[in-house]
PDB file of N, CA and C in Angstrom:
ATOM      1  N   UNK A   1       0.854  -1.167   0.017  1.00  0.00           N
ATOM      2  CA  UNK A   1       0.011   0.009   0.020  1.00  0.00           C
ATOM      3  C   UNK A   1       0.855   1.239  -0.011  1.00  0.00           C
ATOM      4  N   UNK A   2       0.478   2.235  -0.666  1.00  0.00           N
ATOM      5  CA  UNK A   2       1.155   3.546  -0.671  1.00  0.00           C
ATOM      6  C   UNK A   2       0.339   4.453   0.241  1.00  0.00           C
ATOM      7  N   UNK A   3       1.048   5.331   1.003  1.00  0.00           N
ATOM      8  CA  UNK A   3       0.309   6.263   1.837  1.00  0.00           C
ATOM      9  C   UNK A   3      -0.290   7.379   0.902  1.00  0.00           C
ATOM     10  N   UNK A   4      -1.147   8.222   1.476  1.00  0.00           N
ATOM     11  CA  UNK A   4      -1.832   9.242   0.674  1.00  0.00           C
ATOM     12  C   UNK A   4      -0.867  10.224  -0.012  1.00  0.00           C
ATOM     13  N   UNK A   5       0.232  10.569   0.663  1.00  0.00           N
ATOM     14  CA  UNK A   5       1.199  11.489   0.014  1.00  0.00           C
ATOM     15  C   UNK A   5       1.756  10.852  -1.272  1.00  0.00           C
ATOM     16  N   UNK A   6       2.075   9.554  -1.237  1.00  0.00           N
ATOM     17  CA  UNK A   6       2.559   8.903  -2.445  1.00  0.00           C
ATOM     18  C   UNK A   6       1.486   8.832  -3.499  1.00  0.00           C
ATOM     19  N   UNK A   7       0.311   8.427  -3.123  1.00  0.00           N
ATOM     20  CA  UNK A   7      -0.773   8.255  -4.113  1.00  0.00           C
ATOM     21  C   UNK A   7      -1.174   9.601  -4.750  1.00  0.00           C
ATOM     22  N   UNK A   8      -1.130  10.659  -4.042  1.00  0.00           N
ATOM     23  CA  UNK A   8      -1.646  11.952  -4.568  1.00  0.00           C
ATOM     24  C   UNK A   8      -0.557  12.910  -5.086  1.00  0.00           C
ATOM     25  N   UNK A   9       0.685  12.466  -5.068  1.00  0.00           N
ATOM     26  CA  UNK A   9       1.723  13.373  -5.588  1.00  0.00           C
ATOM     27  C   UNK A   9       1.626  13.377  -7.172  1.00  0.00           C
ATOM     28  N   UNK A  10       2.139  14.432  -7.795  1.00  0.00           N
ATOM     29  CA  UNK A  10       2.062  14.561  -9.264  1.00  0.00           C
ATOM     30  C   UNK A  10       2.983  13.531  -9.932  1.00  0.00           C
ATOM     31  N   UNK A  11       2.601  13.121 -11.124  1.00  0.00           N
ATOM     32  CA  UNK A  11       3.469  12.282 -11.968  1.00  0.00           C
ATOM     33  C   UNK A  11       4.812  12.972 -12.173  1.00  0.00           C
ATOM     34  N   UNK A  12       5.885  12.164 -12.082  1.00  0.00           N
ATOM     35  CA  UNK A  12       7.224  12.720 -12.256  1.00  0.00           C
ATOM     36  C   UNK A  12       7.882  13.143 -10.975  1.00  0.00           C
ATOM     37  N   UNK A  13       7.152  13.188  -9.862  1.00  0.00           N
ATOM     38  CA  UNK A  13       7.717  13.609  -8.559  1.00  0.00           C
ATOM     39  C   UNK A  13       8.763  12.595  -8.106  1.00  0.00           C
ATOM     40  N   UNK A  14       9.967  13.089  -7.756  1.00  0.00           N
ATOM     41  CA  UNK A  14      10.989  12.270  -7.198  1.00  0.00           C
ATOM     42  C   UNK A  14      10.986  12.415  -5.639  1.00  0.00           C
ATOM     43  N   UNK A  15      11.005  11.276  -4.951  1.00  0.00           N
ATOM     44  CA  UNK A  15      10.821  11.329  -3.494  1.00  0.00           C
ATOM     45  C   UNK A  15      11.466  10.099  -2.859  1.00  0.00           C
ATOM     46  N   UNK A  16      11.518  10.116  -1.538  1.00  0.00           N
ATOM     47  CA  UNK A  16      11.945   8.987  -0.760  1.00  0.00           C
ATOM     48  C   UNK A  16      10.754   8.401  -0.006  1.00  0.00           C
ATOM     49  N   UNK A  17      10.810   7.080   0.148  1.00  0.00           N
ATOM     50  CA  UNK A  17       9.765   6.428   0.922  1.00  0.00           C
ATOM     51  C   UNK A  17      10.446   5.455   1.923  1.00  0.00           C
ATOM     52  N   UNK A  18       9.750   5.208   3.002  1.00  0.00           N
ATOM     53  CA  UNK A  18      10.218   4.262   3.960  1.00  0.00           C
ATOM     54  C   UNK A  18       9.407   3.002   3.809  1.00  0.00           C
ATOM     55  N   UNK A  19      10.045   1.827   3.927  1.00  0.00           N
ATOM     56  CA  UNK A  19       9.400   0.533   3.760  1.00  0.00           C
ATOM     57  C   UNK A  19       8.918   0.100   5.172  1.00  0.00           C
ATOM     58  N   UNK A  20       7.600   0.140   5.383  1.00  0.00           N
ATOM     59  CA  UNK A  20       7.092  -0.314   6.708  1.00  0.00           C
ATOM     60  C   UNK A  20       6.831  -1.781   6.735  1.00  0.00           C
ATOM     61  N   UNK A  21       6.453  -2.339   5.612  1.00  0.00           N
ATOM     62  CA  UNK A  21       6.326  -3.803   5.471  1.00  0.00           C
ATOM     63  C   UNK A  21       6.693  -4.179   4.075  1.00  0.00           C
ATOM     64  N   UNK A  22       7.106  -5.420   3.877  1.00  0.00           N
ATOM     65  CA  UNK A  22       7.650  -5.835   2.555  1.00  0.00           C
ATOM     66  C   UNK A  22       7.026  -7.193   2.193  1.00  0.00           C
ATOM     67  N   UNK A  23       7.362  -7.676   0.998  1.00  0.00           N
ATOM     68  CA  UNK A  23       6.908  -8.989   0.556  1.00  0.00           C
ATOM     69  C   UNK A  23       8.126  -9.693  -0.110  1.00  0.00           C
ATOM     70  N   UNK A  24       7.902 -10.901  -0.598  1.00  0.00           N
ATOM     71  CA  UNK A  24       8.997 -11.666  -1.217  1.00  0.00           C
ATOM     72  C   UNK A  24       9.543 -10.988  -2.434  1.00  0.00           C
ATOM     73  N   UNK A  25       8.686 -10.343  -3.233  1.00  0.00           N
ATOM     74  CA  UNK A  25       9.143  -9.668  -4.462  1.00  0.00           C
ATOM     75  C   UNK A  25      10.107  -8.526  -4.158  1.00  0.00           C
ATOM     76  N   UNK A  26       9.762  -7.708  -3.133  1.00  0.00           N
ATOM     77  CA  UNK A  26      10.692  -6.660  -2.751  1.00  0.00           C
ATOM     78  C   UNK A  26      11.961  -7.199  -2.062  1.00  0.00           C
ATOM     79  N   UNK A  27      11.751  -8.188  -1.243  1.00  0.00           N
ATOM     80  CA  UNK A  27      12.919  -8.802  -0.597  1.00  0.00           C
ATOM     81  C   UNK A  27      13.903  -9.367  -1.608  1.00  0.00           C
ATOM     82  N   UNK A  28      13.380  -9.914  -2.701  1.00  0.00           N
ATOM     83  CA  UNK A  28      14.272 -10.490  -3.723  1.00  0.00           C
ATOM     84  C   UNK A  28      15.152  -9.412  -4.381  1.00  0.00           C
ATOM     85  N   UNK A  29      14.801  -8.123  -4.218  1.00  0.00           N
ATOM     86  CA  UNK A  29      15.580  -7.018  -4.711  1.00  0.00           C
ATOM     87  C   UNK A  29      16.433  -6.361  -3.597  1.00  0.00           C
ATOM     88  N   UNK A  30      16.438  -7.007  -2.444  1.00  0.00           N
ATOM     89  CA  UNK A  30      17.225  -6.524  -1.331  1.00  0.00           C
ATOM     90  C   UNK A  30      16.537  -5.450  -0.503  1.00  0.00           C
ATOM     91  N   UNK A  31      15.225  -5.299  -0.639  1.00  0.00           N
ATOM     92  CA  UNK A  31      14.460  -4.253   0.106  1.00  0.00           C
ATOM     93  C   UNK A  31      13.879  -4.904   1.348  1.00  0.00           C
ATOM     94  N   UNK A  32      14.160  -4.369   2.507  1.00  0.00           N
ATOM     95  CA  UNK A  32      13.684  -4.873   3.749  1.00  0.00           C
ATOM     96  C   UNK A  32      12.883  -3.836   4.516  1.00  0.00           C
ATOM     97  N   UNK A  33      12.141  -4.276   5.510  1.00  0.00           N
ATOM     98  CA  UNK A  33      11.407  -3.303   6.383  1.00  0.00           C
ATOM     99  C   UNK A  33      12.391  -2.374   7.045  1.00  0.00           C
ATOM    100  N   UNK A  34      12.018  -1.147   7.084  1.00  0.00           N
ATOM    101  CA  UNK A  34      12.892  -0.117   7.709  1.00  0.00           C
ATOM    102  C   UNK A  34      13.779   0.610   6.707  1.00  0.00           C
ATOM    103  N   UNK A  35      13.881   0.062   5.482  1.00  0.00           N
ATOM    104  CA  UNK A  35      14.733   0.663   4.444  1.00  0.00           C
ATOM    105  C   UNK A  35      14.083   1.958   3.940  1.00  0.00           C
ATOM    106  N   UNK A  36      14.924   2.823   3.458  1.00  0.00           N
ATOM    107  CA  UNK A  36      14.502   4.036   2.703  1.00  0.00           C
ATOM    108  C   UNK A  36      14.830   3.761   1.238  1.00  0.00           C
ATOM    109  N   UNK A  37      13.886   4.078   0.368  1.00  0.00           N
ATOM    110  CA  UNK A  37      14.048   3.852  -1.019  1.00  0.00           C
ATOM    111  C   UNK A  37      13.755   5.117  -1.803  1.00  0.00           C
ATOM    112  N   UNK A  38      14.452   5.291  -2.892  1.00  0.00           N
ATOM    113  CA  UNK A  38      14.304   6.477  -3.766  1.00  0.00           C
ATOM    114  C   UNK A  38      13.335   6.092  -4.873  1.00  0.00           C
ATOM    115  N   UNK A  39      12.283   6.951  -5.079  1.00  0.00           N
ATOM    116  CA  UNK A  39      11.238   6.621  -6.046  1.00  0.00           C
ATOM    117  C   UNK A  39      10.923   7.792  -6.963  1.00  0.00           C
ATOM    118  N   UNK A  40      10.316   7.509  -8.044  1.00  0.00           N
ATOM    119  CA  UNK A  40       9.744   8.509  -8.959  1.00  0.00           C
ATOM    120  C   UNK A  40       8.334   8.068  -9.298  1.00  0.00           C
ATOM    121  N   UNK A  41       7.399   8.994  -9.124  1.00  0.00           N
ATOM    122  CA  UNK A  41       5.988   8.678  -9.403  1.00  0.00           C
ATOM    123  C   UNK A  41       5.772   8.533 -10.890  1.00  0.00           C
ATOM    124  N   UNK A  42       5.119   7.436 -11.316  1.00  0.00           N
ATOM    125  CA  UNK A  42       4.946   7.140 -12.746  1.00  0.00           C
ATOM    126  C   UNK A  42       3.485   7.483 -13.210  1.00  0.00           C
ATOM    127  N   UNK A  43       2.539   7.323 -12.373  1.00  0.00           N
ATOM    128  CA  UNK A  43       1.147   7.562 -12.716  1.00  0.00           C
ATOM    129  C   UNK A  43       0.478   8.370 -11.621  1.00  0.00           C
ATOM    130  N   UNK A  44      -0.357   9.321 -11.987  1.00  0.00           N
ATOM    131  CA  UNK A  44      -0.890  10.258 -10.994  1.00  0.00           C
ATOM    132  C   UNK A  44      -2.276   9.839 -10.445  1.00  0.00           C
ATOM    133  N   UNK A  45      -2.926   8.854 -11.033  1.00  0.00           N
ATOM    134  CA  UNK A  45      -4.240   8.517 -10.560  1.00  0.00           C
ATOM    135  C   UNK A  45      -4.085   7.840  -9.138  1.00  0.00           C
ATOM    136  N   UNK A  46      -4.678   8.414  -8.110  1.00  0.00           N
ATOM    137  CA  UNK A  46      -4.452   7.893  -6.753  1.00  0.00           C
ATOM    138  C   UNK A  46      -4.747   6.390  -6.547  1.00  0.00           C
ATOM    139  N   UNK A  47      -5.858   5.932  -7.145  1.00  0.00           N
ATOM    140  CA  UNK A  47      -6.189   4.524  -6.971  1.00  0.00           C
ATOM    141  C   UNK A  47      -5.363   3.571  -7.872  1.00  0.00           C
ATOM    142  N   UNK A  48      -4.675   4.077  -8.804  1.00  0.00           N
ATOM    143  CA  UNK A  48      -3.828   3.270  -9.753  1.00  0.00           C
ATOM    144  C   UNK A  48      -2.380   3.717  -9.677  1.00  0.00           C
ATOM    145  N   UNK A  49      -1.973   4.375  -8.593  1.00  0.00           N
ATOM    146  CA  UNK A  49      -0.654   4.919  -8.508  1.00  0.00           C
ATOM    147  C   UNK A  49       0.454   3.904  -8.728  1.00  0.00           C
ATOM    148  N   UNK A  50       1.506   4.305  -9.479  1.00  0.00           N
ATOM    149  CA  UNK A  50       2.674   3.502  -9.686  1.00  0.00           C
ATOM    150  C   UNK A  50       3.928   4.319  -9.472  1.00  0.00           C
ATOM    151  N   UNK A  51       4.983   3.643  -9.031  1.00  0.00           N
ATOM    152  CA  UNK A  51       6.231   4.347  -8.834  1.00  0.00           C
ATOM    153  C   UNK A  51       7.371   3.487  -9.271  1.00  0.00           C
ATOM    154  N   UNK A  52       8.476   4.125  -9.695  1.00  0.00           N
ATOM    155  CA  UNK A  52       9.688   3.452 -10.043  1.00  0.00           C
ATOM    156  C   UNK A  52      10.616   3.529  -8.801  1.00  0.00           C
ATOM    157  N   UNK A  53      11.071   2.425  -8.326  1.00  0.00           N
ATOM    158  CA  UNK A  53      12.030   2.403  -7.246  1.00  0.00           C
ATOM    159  C   UNK A  53      13.396   2.276  -7.826  1.00  0.00           C
ATOM    160  N   UNK A  54      14.259   3.250  -7.552  1.00  0.00           N
ATOM    161  CA  UNK A  54      15.570   3.293  -8.125  1.00  0.00           C
ATOM    162  C   UNK A  54      16.565   2.585  -7.232  1.00  0.00           C
ATOM    163  N   UNK A  55      17.109   1.475  -7.703  1.00  0.00           N
ATOM    164  CA  UNK A  55      18.041   0.631  -6.927  1.00  0.00           C
ATOM    165  C   UNK A  55      19.358   0.548  -7.687  1.00  0.00           C
ATOM    166  N   UNK A  56      20.435   0.344  -7.000  1.00  0.00           N
ATOM    167  CA  UNK A  56      21.756   0.180  -7.628  1.00  0.00           C
ATOM    168  C   UNK A  56      21.735  -1.051  -8.531  1.00  0.00           C
ATOM    169  N   UNK A  57      20.970  -2.073  -8.183  1.00  0.00           N
ATOM    170  CA  UNK A  57      20.874  -3.301  -8.968  1.00  0.00           C
ATOM    171  C   UNK A  57      19.950  -3.201 -10.144  1.00  0.00           C
ATOM    172  N   UNK A  58      19.285  -2.070 -10.277  1.00  0.00           N
ATOM    173  CA  UNK A  58      18.301  -1.874 -11.386  1.00  0.00           C
ATOM    174  C   UNK A  58      16.969  -1.436 -10.849  1.00  0.00           C
ATOM    175  N   UNK A  59      16.285  -0.643 -11.639  1.00  0.00           N
ATOM    176  CA  UNK A  59      14.996  -0.131 -11.179  1.00  0.00           C
ATOM    177  C   UNK A  59      13.909  -1.150 -11.251  1.00  0.00           C
ATOM    178  N   UNK A  60      12.945  -0.986 -10.338  1.00  0.00           N
ATOM    179  CA  UNK A  60      11.741  -1.868 -10.347  1.00  0.00           C
ATOM    180  C   UNK A  60      10.541  -0.986 -10.241  1.00  0.00           C
ATOM    181  N   UNK A  61       9.413  -1.493 -10.721  1.00  0.00           N
ATOM    182  CA  UNK A  61       8.146  -0.718 -10.628  1.00  0.00           C
ATOM    183  C   UNK A  61       7.261  -1.354  -9.576  1.00  0.00           C
ATOM    184  N   UNK A  62       6.667  -0.497  -8.756  1.00  0.00           N
ATOM    185  CA  UNK A  62       5.719  -0.922  -7.754  1.00  0.00           C
ATOM    186  C   UNK A  62       4.414  -0.178  -7.973  1.00  0.00           C
ATOM    187  N   UNK A  63       3.298  -0.800  -7.548  1.00  0.00           N
ATOM    188  CA  UNK A  63       1.999  -0.138  -7.694  1.00  0.00           C
ATOM    189  C   UNK A  63       1.190  -0.207  -6.433  1.00  0.00           C
ATOM    190  N   UNK A  64       0.344   0.768  -6.302  1.00  0.00           N
ATOM    191  CA  UNK A  64      -0.573   0.777  -5.144  1.00  0.00           C
ATOM    192  C   UNK A  64      -1.522  -0.421  -5.210  1.00  0.00           C
ATOM    193  N   UNK A  65      -2.043  -0.749  -6.369  1.00  0.00           N
ATOM    194  CA  UNK A  65      -3.004  -1.826  -6.472  1.00  0.00           C
ATOM    195  C   UNK A  65      -2.317  -3.160  -6.082  1.00  0.00           C
ATOM    196  N   UNK A  66      -1.112  -3.423  -6.611  1.00  0.00           N
ATOM    197  CA  UNK A  66      -0.422  -4.692  -6.305  1.00  0.00           C
ATOM    198  C   UNK A  66      -0.003  -4.755  -4.860  1.00  0.00           C
ATOM    199  N   UNK A  67       0.139  -3.632  -4.172  1.00  0.00           N
ATOM    200  CA  UNK A  67       0.710  -3.622  -2.851  1.00  0.00           C
ATOM    201  C   UNK A  67      -0.388  -3.707  -1.762  1.00  0.00           C
ATOM    202  N   UNK A  68      -1.637  -3.618  -2.088  1.00  0.00           N
ATOM    203  CA  UNK A  68      -2.703  -3.453  -1.075  1.00  0.00           C
ATOM    204  C   UNK A  68      -2.569  -4.477   0.066  1.00  0.00           C
ATOM    205  N   UNK A  69      -2.282  -5.684  -0.236  1.00  0.00           N
ATOM    206  CA  UNK A  69      -2.189  -6.721   0.794  1.00  0.00           C
ATOM    207  C   UNK A  69      -0.776  -7.232   1.066  1.00  0.00           C
ATOM    208  N   UNK A  70       0.217  -6.676   0.373  1.00  0.00           N
ATOM    209  CA  UNK A  70       1.541  -7.276   0.505  1.00  0.00           C
ATOM    210  C   UNK A  70       2.695  -6.388   1.001  1.00  0.00           C
ATOM    211  N   UNK A  71       2.623  -5.082   0.785  1.00  0.00           N
ATOM    212  CA  UNK A  71       3.645  -4.264   1.317  1.00  0.00           C
ATOM    213  C   UNK A  71       3.128  -2.841   1.606  1.00  0.00           C
ATOM    214  N   UNK A  72       3.853  -2.029   2.371  1.00  0.00           N
ATOM    215  CA  UNK A  72       3.406  -0.729   2.757  1.00  0.00           C
ATOM    216  C   UNK A  72       4.580   0.231   2.670  1.00  0.00           C
ATOM    217  N   UNK A  73       4.475   1.226   1.770  1.00  0.00           N
ATOM    218  CA  UNK A  73       5.485   2.246   1.579  1.00  0.00           C
ATOM    219  C   UNK A  73       4.960   3.569   1.981  1.00  0.00           C
ATOM    220  N   UNK A  74       5.749   4.367   2.721  1.00  0.00           N
ATOM    221  CA  UNK A  74       5.279   5.661   3.277  1.00  0.00           C
ATOM    222  C   UNK A  74       6.237   6.736   2.811  1.00  0.00           C
ATOM    223  N   UNK A  75       5.655   7.817   2.277  1.00  0.00           N
ATOM    224  CA  UNK A  75       6.404   8.998   1.841  1.00  0.00           C
ATOM    225  C   UNK A  75       7.187   9.533   2.984  1.00  0.00           C
ATOM    226  N   UNK A  76       8.468   9.920   2.741  1.00  0.00           N
ATOM    227  CA  UNK A  76       9.352  10.494   3.714  1.00  0.00           C
ATOM    228  C   UNK A  76       9.691  11.931   3.407  1.00  0.00           C
ATOM    229  N   UNK A  77       9.972  12.221   2.104  1.00  0.00           N
ATOM    230  CA  UNK A  77      10.366  13.593   1.688  1.00  0.00           C
ATOM    231  C   UNK A  77      10.801  13.609   0.262  1.00  0.00           C
ATOM    232  N   UNK A  78      10.997  14.813  -0.240  1.00  0.00           N
ATOM    233  CA  UNK A  78      11.328  14.977  -1.653  1.00  0.00           C
ATOM    234  C   UNK A  78      12.831  14.670  -1.889  1.00  0.00           C
ATOM    235  N   UNK A  79      13.126  14.255  -3.116  1.00  0.00           N
ATOM    236  CA  UNK A  79      14.503  13.864  -3.436  1.00  0.00           C
ATOM    237  C   UNK A  79      15.507  15.057  -3.372  1.00  0.00           C
ATOM    238  N   UNK A  80      14.969  16.294  -3.416  1.00  0.00           N
ATOM    239  CA  UNK A  80      15.788  17.475  -3.306  1.00  0.00           C
ATOM    240  C   UNK A  80      16.054  17.876  -1.867  1.00  0.00           C
ATOM    241  N   UNK A  81      15.578  17.111  -0.923  1.00  0.00           N
ATOM    242  CA  UNK A  81      15.789  17.360   0.534  1.00  0.00           C
ATOM    243  C   UNK A  81      14.731  18.151   1.188  1.00  0.00           C
ATOM    244  N   UNK A  82      13.681  18.563   0.446  1.00  0.00           N
ATOM    245  CA  UNK A  82      12.639  19.349   1.055  1.00  0.00           C
ATOM    246  C   UNK A  82      11.489  18.434   1.550  1.00  0.00           C
ATOM    247  N   UNK A  83      10.643  18.960   2.386  1.00  0.00           N
ATOM    248  CA  UNK A  83       9.386  18.348   2.793  1.00  0.00           C
ATOM    249  C   UNK A  83       9.569  17.143   3.720  1.00  0.00           C
ATOM    250  N   UNK A  84      10.727  17.038   4.372  1.00  0.00           N
ATOM    251  CA  UNK A  84      10.903  15.901   5.314  1.00  0.00           C
ATOM    252  C   UNK A  84      10.315  16.331   6.676  1.00  0.00           C
ATOM    253  N   UNK A  85       9.644  15.423   7.302  1.00  0.00           N
ATOM    254  CA  UNK A  85       9.156  15.650   8.693  1.00  0.00           C
ATOM    255  C   UNK A  85      10.248  15.338   9.716  1.00  0.00           C
ATOM    256  N   UNK A  86      10.967  14.247   9.436  1.00  0.00           N
ATOM    257  CA  UNK A  86      11.996  13.769  10.397  1.00  0.00           C
ATOM    258  C   UNK A  86      13.409  14.193   9.923  1.00  0.00           C
ATOM    259  N   UNK A  87      14.173  14.933  10.731  1.00  0.00           N
ATOM    260  CA  UNK A  87      15.530  15.270  10.353  1.00  0.00           C
ATOM    261  C   UNK A  87      16.411  14.017  10.297  1.00  0.00           C
ATOM    262  N   UNK A  88      16.104  12.990  11.077  1.00  0.00           N
ATOM    263  CA  UNK A  88      16.871  11.774  11.056  1.00  0.00           C
ATOM    264  C   UNK A  88      16.704  11.005   9.696  1.00  0.00           C
ATOM    265  N   UNK A  89      15.465  10.943   9.204  1.00  0.00           N
ATOM    266  CA  UNK A  89      15.260  10.263   7.942  1.00  0.00           C
ATOM    267  C   UNK A  89      15.774  11.130   6.792  1.00  0.00           C
ATOM    268  N   UNK A  90      15.733  12.461   6.938  1.00  0.00           N
ATOM    269  CA  UNK A  90      16.316  13.309   5.910  1.00  0.00           C
ATOM    270  C   UNK A  90      17.781  13.045   5.740  1.00  0.00           C
ATOM    271  N   UNK A  91      18.500  12.969   6.850  1.00  0.00           N
ATOM    272  CA  UNK A  91      19.947  12.713   6.792  1.00  0.00           C
ATOM    273  C   UNK A  91      20.254  11.391   6.130  1.00  0.00           C
ATOM    274  N   UNK A  92      19.513  10.338   6.498  1.00  0.00           N
ATOM    275  CA  UNK A  92      19.728   9.022   5.885  1.00  0.00           C
ATOM    276  C   UNK A  92      19.544   9.070   4.396  1.00  0.00           C
ATOM    277  N   UNK A  93      18.441   9.700   3.986  1.00  0.00           N
ATOM    278  CA  UNK A  93      18.086   9.800   2.542  1.00  0.00           C
ATOM    279  C   UNK A  93      19.072  10.677   1.784  1.00  0.00           C
ATOM    280  N   UNK A  94      19.469  11.747   2.312  1.00  0.00           N
ATOM    281  CA  UNK A  94      20.414  12.601   1.642  1.00  0.00           C
ATOM    282  C   UNK A  94      21.830  11.909   1.522  1.00  0.00           C
ATOM    283  N   UNK A  95      22.166  11.137   2.529  1.00  0.00           N
ATOM    284  CA  UNK A  95      23.412  10.397   2.473  1.00  0.00           C
ATOM    285  C   UNK A  95      23.372   9.348   1.401  1.00  0.00           C
ATOM    286  N   UNK A  96      22.190   8.848   1.081  1.00  0.00           N
ATOM    287  CA  UNK A  96      22.047   7.862  -0.001  1.00  0.00           C
ATOM    288  C   UNK A  96      22.424   8.506  -1.380  1.00  0.00           C
ATOM    289  N   UNK A  97      22.248   9.788  -1.519  1.00  0.00           N
ATOM    290  CA  UNK A  97      22.531  10.470  -2.789  1.00  0.00           C
ATOM    291  C   UNK A  97      23.994  10.732  -2.960  1.00  0.00           C
ATOM    292  N   UNK A  98      24.709  10.725  -1.841  1.00  0.00           N
ATOM    293  CA  UNK A  98      26.194  11.084  -1.900  1.00  0.00           C
ATOM    294  C   UNK A  98      27.015   9.985  -2.602  1.00  0.00           C
TER     295      UNK A  98
END
């Protein structure tokens, strides 16, 4: 599941999300609970939202519909460092860009 901030952000938005729960498909790409992931919003319809997760091993696509019962991703802040609620998560995410 994507939180409301992820579902309602405009197409093309680059942001970070925190993985609150995961599934076998995400785990097979090395994504675990508690990880921060860099994403780009691919589709803007809230109920059909899709995002590209940018990984060093290669990008994968995730969708709100596919995730409803299997994983939960929560918006953390923008890829440019703005809009973070938590200074701790901002530091972790910005360090990922270095």
